[in-house]
Amino acid sequence: MDPILGHITSNKRRTFFLFFLYAVLFLIIGYFIGIYMGEPVVGLVLAVIVFGVLFLISYFGGQGVVTSMAGAREVSKQQEPYLYNTVEGLSIAAGKPMPKIYIVESEVPNAFAAGRNPGNSVIAVTRGLLNRLNRQELEGVLAHEMAHIHNYDILLATVAVVLAGTIVFLGVIARRSAFFGGFRGS
């Protein structure tokens, strides 16, 4: 088997395993919340609903969540022709669909890719990266991000970021609810 195809298959398998672990975690949390409320089945049903919504958001809209968390904005060919042409050239050379391009207005040099597959992906770069690198260096960084897209590394990373952020968010809600007198049993 081609090593690249093995890597892609492995990343898809890891993504499924990550979803499975989060599903189990949500079921356990839902069960204990249900016990606390006096109705374990209600807790399990709520956990299934919450996980289902999170699954749909992270799988189908994860790249939007990640780019908004980073403060990125989508740019067009007219707004950033240099960046657009560089990504377009790499996409043609790789024989892959053109990802959407985003800019993060930060002077820290950085770039990332997000999405669920090559046909539904984004590449975001910071203003600092564009200001510091010449064309060849920028192509190297963008080719690296395109490799993440091609190998489905972005699917695993995007799902992990969205689900981890959700757990943190739910933890903050639980802490504040407990602090302000929520979660009281009947």
Protein backbone atom coordinates (compact mmCIF):
# COMPACT_ATOMS: atom_id res chain seq x y z
CA MET A 1 0.00 0.00 0.00
CA ASP A 2 1.17 3.51 -0.78
CA PRO A 3 2.49 5.15 2.44
CA ILE A 4 0.46 8.30 1.74
CA LEU A 5 -2.77 6.34 1.35
CA GLY A 6 -1.97 4.50 4.58
CA HIS A 7 -1.48 7.86 6.31
CA ILE A 8 -4.79 9.16 4.97
CA THR A 9 -6.60 5.99 6.10
CA SER A 10 -4.96 6.25 9.51
CA ASN A 11 -6.08 9.86 9.91
CA LYS A 12 -9.66 8.98 8.99
CA ARG A 13 -9.59 6.08 11.47
CA ARG A 14 -8.21 8.36 14.21
CA THR A 15 -10.95 10.90 13.53
CA PHE A 16 -13.61 8.21 13.89
CA PHE A 17 -11.96 7.01 17.11
CA LEU A 18 -11.89 10.60 18.45
CA PHE A 19 -15.62 10.97 17.73
CA PHE A 20 -16.25 7.63 19.45
CA LEU A 21 -14.30 8.69 22.57
CA TYR A 22 -16.17 11.98 22.76
CA ALA A 23 -19.49 10.15 22.35
CA VAL A 24 -18.62 7.85 25.26
CA LEU A 25 -17.49 10.84 27.34
CA PHE A 26 -20.74 12.69 26.64
CA LEU A 27 -22.81 9.61 27.50
CA ILE A 28 -21.00 9.21 30.82
CA ILE A 29 -21.43 12.90 31.66
CA GLY A 30 -25.08 12.79 30.57
CA TYR A 31 -25.70 9.71 32.70
CA PHE A 32 -24.26 11.34 35.83
CA ILE A 33 -26.17 14.57 35.20
CA GLY A 34 -29.30 12.43 34.78
CA ILE A 35 -28.63 10.64 38.07
CA TYR A 36 -28.17 14.02 39.74
CA MET A 37 -31.49 15.20 38.30
CA GLY A 38 -33.16 11.92 39.30
CA GLU A 39 -33.71 10.73 35.70
CA PRO A 40 -30.67 8.94 34.17
CA VAL A 41 -32.50 8.31 30.88
CA VAL A 42 -33.17 12.06 30.46
CA GLY A 43 -29.47 12.74 30.99
CA LEU A 44 -28.53 10.15 28.36
CA VAL A 45 -31.03 11.53 25.85
CA LEU A 46 -29.72 15.08 26.40
CA ALA A 47 -26.14 13.82 25.97
CA VAL A 48 -27.04 12.13 22.67
CA ILE A 49 -28.73 15.29 21.40
CA VAL A 50 -25.83 17.54 22.45
CA PHE A 51 -23.26 15.18 20.94
CA GLY A 52 -25.26 14.92 17.71
CA VAL A 53 -25.34 18.69 17.33
CA LEU A 54 -21.63 18.95 18.15
CA PHE A 55 -20.82 16.20 15.67
CA LEU A 56 -22.66 18.01 12.88
CA ILE A 57 -21.06 21.34 13.75
CA SER A 58 -17.52 19.97 14.02
CA TYR A 59 -17.70 17.78 10.91
CA PHE A 60 -19.59 20.08 8.55
CA GLY A 61 -18.76 23.51 9.98
CA GLY A 62 -15.51 22.97 11.82
CA GLN A 63 -13.45 25.09 9.47
CA GLY A 64 -15.80 28.02 10.10
CA VAL A 65 -15.47 27.58 13.85
CA VAL A 66 -11.67 27.39 13.67
CA THR A 67 -11.32 30.42 11.40
CA SER A 68 -13.66 32.51 13.54
CA MET A 69 -11.78 31.48 16.69
CA ALA A 70 -8.59 32.70 15.02
CA GLY A 71 -10.20 35.97 13.95
CA ALA A 72 -9.60 35.20 10.28
CA ARG A 73 -11.48 36.79 7.40
CA GLU A 74 -11.89 35.36 3.92
CA VAL A 75 -10.11 37.23 1.12
CA SER A 76 -10.64 37.28 -2.62
CA LYS A 77 -8.22 37.46 -5.55
CA GLN A 78 -8.85 41.20 -5.81
CA GLN A 79 -8.04 41.81 -2.14
CA GLU A 80 -4.88 39.66 -1.90
CA PRO A 81 -3.67 38.82 -5.44
CA TYR A 82 -0.16 37.80 -4.33
CA LEU A 83 -1.41 35.29 -1.78
CA TYR A 84 -4.25 34.07 -3.99
CA ASN A 85 -1.95 33.45 -6.98
CA THR A 86 0.54 31.58 -4.79
CA VAL A 87 -2.14 29.24 -3.39
CA GLU A 88 -3.72 28.85 -6.81
CA GLY A 89 -0.38 27.82 -8.34
CA LEU A 90 0.21 25.26 -5.60
CA SER A 91 -3.33 23.87 -6.02
CA ILE A 92 -2.81 23.46 -9.76
CA ALA A 93 0.59 21.83 -9.24
CA ALA A 94 -0.86 19.42 -6.66
CA GLY A 95 -3.96 18.69 -8.75
CA LYS A 96 -6.18 19.58 -5.80
CA PRO A 97 -9.17 21.91 -5.48
CA MET A 98 -8.42 25.50 -4.52
CA PRO A 99 -8.98 26.02 -0.76
CA LYS A 100 -10.61 29.18 0.53
CA ILE A 101 -8.05 31.72 1.65
CA TYR A 102 -8.20 33.61 4.94
CA ILE A 103 -6.08 36.34 6.49
CA VAL A 104 -5.50 36.82 10.21
CA GLU A 105 -4.52 40.39 11.01
CA SER A 106 -1.62 39.58 13.31
CA GLU A 107 2.08 40.35 13.06
CA VAL A 108 2.98 36.89 14.38
CA PRO A 109 4.13 34.77 11.41
CA ASN A 110 1.88 31.73 11.24
CA ALA A 111 -0.39 29.72 8.95
CA PHE A 112 -2.88 26.89 9.36
CA ALA A 113 -5.25 24.74 7.36
CA ALA A 114 -8.70 23.56 8.42
CA GLY A 115 -11.61 21.63 6.94
CA ARG A 116 -12.83 18.10 6.45
CA ASN A 117 -11.46 17.21 3.00
CA PRO A 118 -9.58 18.77 0.05
CA GLY A 119 -12.83 19.99 -1.50
CA ASN A 120 -13.90 21.74 1.70
CA SER A 121 -10.79 23.30 3.17
CA VAL A 122 -9.29 26.65 4.08
CA ILE A 123 -5.80 28.00 4.44
CA ALA A 124 -5.28 30.95 6.75
CA VAL A 125 -2.11 33.02 6.95
CA THR A 126 -1.22 35.92 9.19
CA ARG A 127 -0.27 39.34 7.93
CA GLY A 128 3.09 38.90 9.65
CA LEU A 129 3.83 35.82 7.56
CA LEU A 130 3.04 37.67 4.34
CA ASN A 131 5.21 40.62 5.36
CA ARG A 132 8.24 38.54 6.36
CA LEU A 133 8.54 35.85 3.69
CA ASN A 134 9.61 36.03 0.06
CA ARG A 135 7.73 34.11 -2.64
CA GLN A 136 9.71 30.86 -2.31
CA GLU A 137 9.46 30.81 1.48
CA LEU A 138 5.73 31.54 1.31
CA GLU A 139 5.28 28.73 -1.22
CA GLY A 140 7.07 26.37 1.17
CA VAL A 141 4.78 27.25 4.07
CA LEU A 142 1.66 27.04 1.91
CA ALA A 143 2.81 23.73 0.37
CA HIS A 144 3.15 22.41 3.92
CA GLU A 145 -0.45 23.45 4.65
CA MET A 146 -1.60 21.92 1.35
CA ALA A 147 0.06 18.64 2.43
CA HIS A 148 -2.02 18.74 5.62
CA ILE A 149 -5.13 19.12 3.46
CA HIS A 150 -4.11 16.28 1.12
CA ASN A 151 -3.31 13.89 4.00
CA TYR A 152 -6.56 14.65 5.90
CA ASP A 153 -4.57 15.87 8.89
CA ILE A 154 -6.92 18.85 8.89
CA LEU A 155 -9.97 16.68 9.53
CA LEU A 156 -8.47 15.24 12.69
CA ALA A 157 -7.14 18.60 13.88
CA THR A 158 -10.34 20.52 13.09
CA VAL A 159 -12.53 17.99 14.90
CA ALA A 160 -10.16 17.92 17.88
CA VAL A 161 -10.15 21.72 18.19
CA VAL A 162 -13.94 22.03 17.96
CA LEU A 163 -14.66 19.20 20.39
CA ALA A 164 -12.01 20.32 22.89
CA GLY A 165 -13.38 23.86 22.74
CA THR A 166 -16.85 22.49 23.38
CA ILE A 167 -15.71 20.59 26.46
CA VAL A 168 -14.09 23.76 27.82
CA PHE A 169 -17.28 25.72 27.07
CA LEU A 170 -19.48 23.12 28.79
CA GLY A 171 -17.11 23.14 31.78
CA VAL A 172 -17.43 26.92 32.08
CA ILE A 173 -21.24 26.63 31.90
CA ALA A 174 -21.26 23.91 34.58
CA ARG A 175 -18.96 25.90 36.87
CA ARG A 176 -21.02 29.07 36.54
CA SER A 177 -24.27 27.17 37.00
CA ALA A 178 -22.96 25.55 40.16
CA PHE A 179 -21.66 28.90 41.42
CA PHE A 180 -24.96 30.70 40.81
CA GLY A 181 -27.11 27.93 42.30
CA GLY A 182 -27.91 25.89 39.18
CA PHE A 183 -27.98 22.10 39.00
CA ARG A 184 -30.12 21.77 42.11
CA GLY A 185 -32.03 18.52 42.27
CA SER A 186 -35.79 18.48 42.77
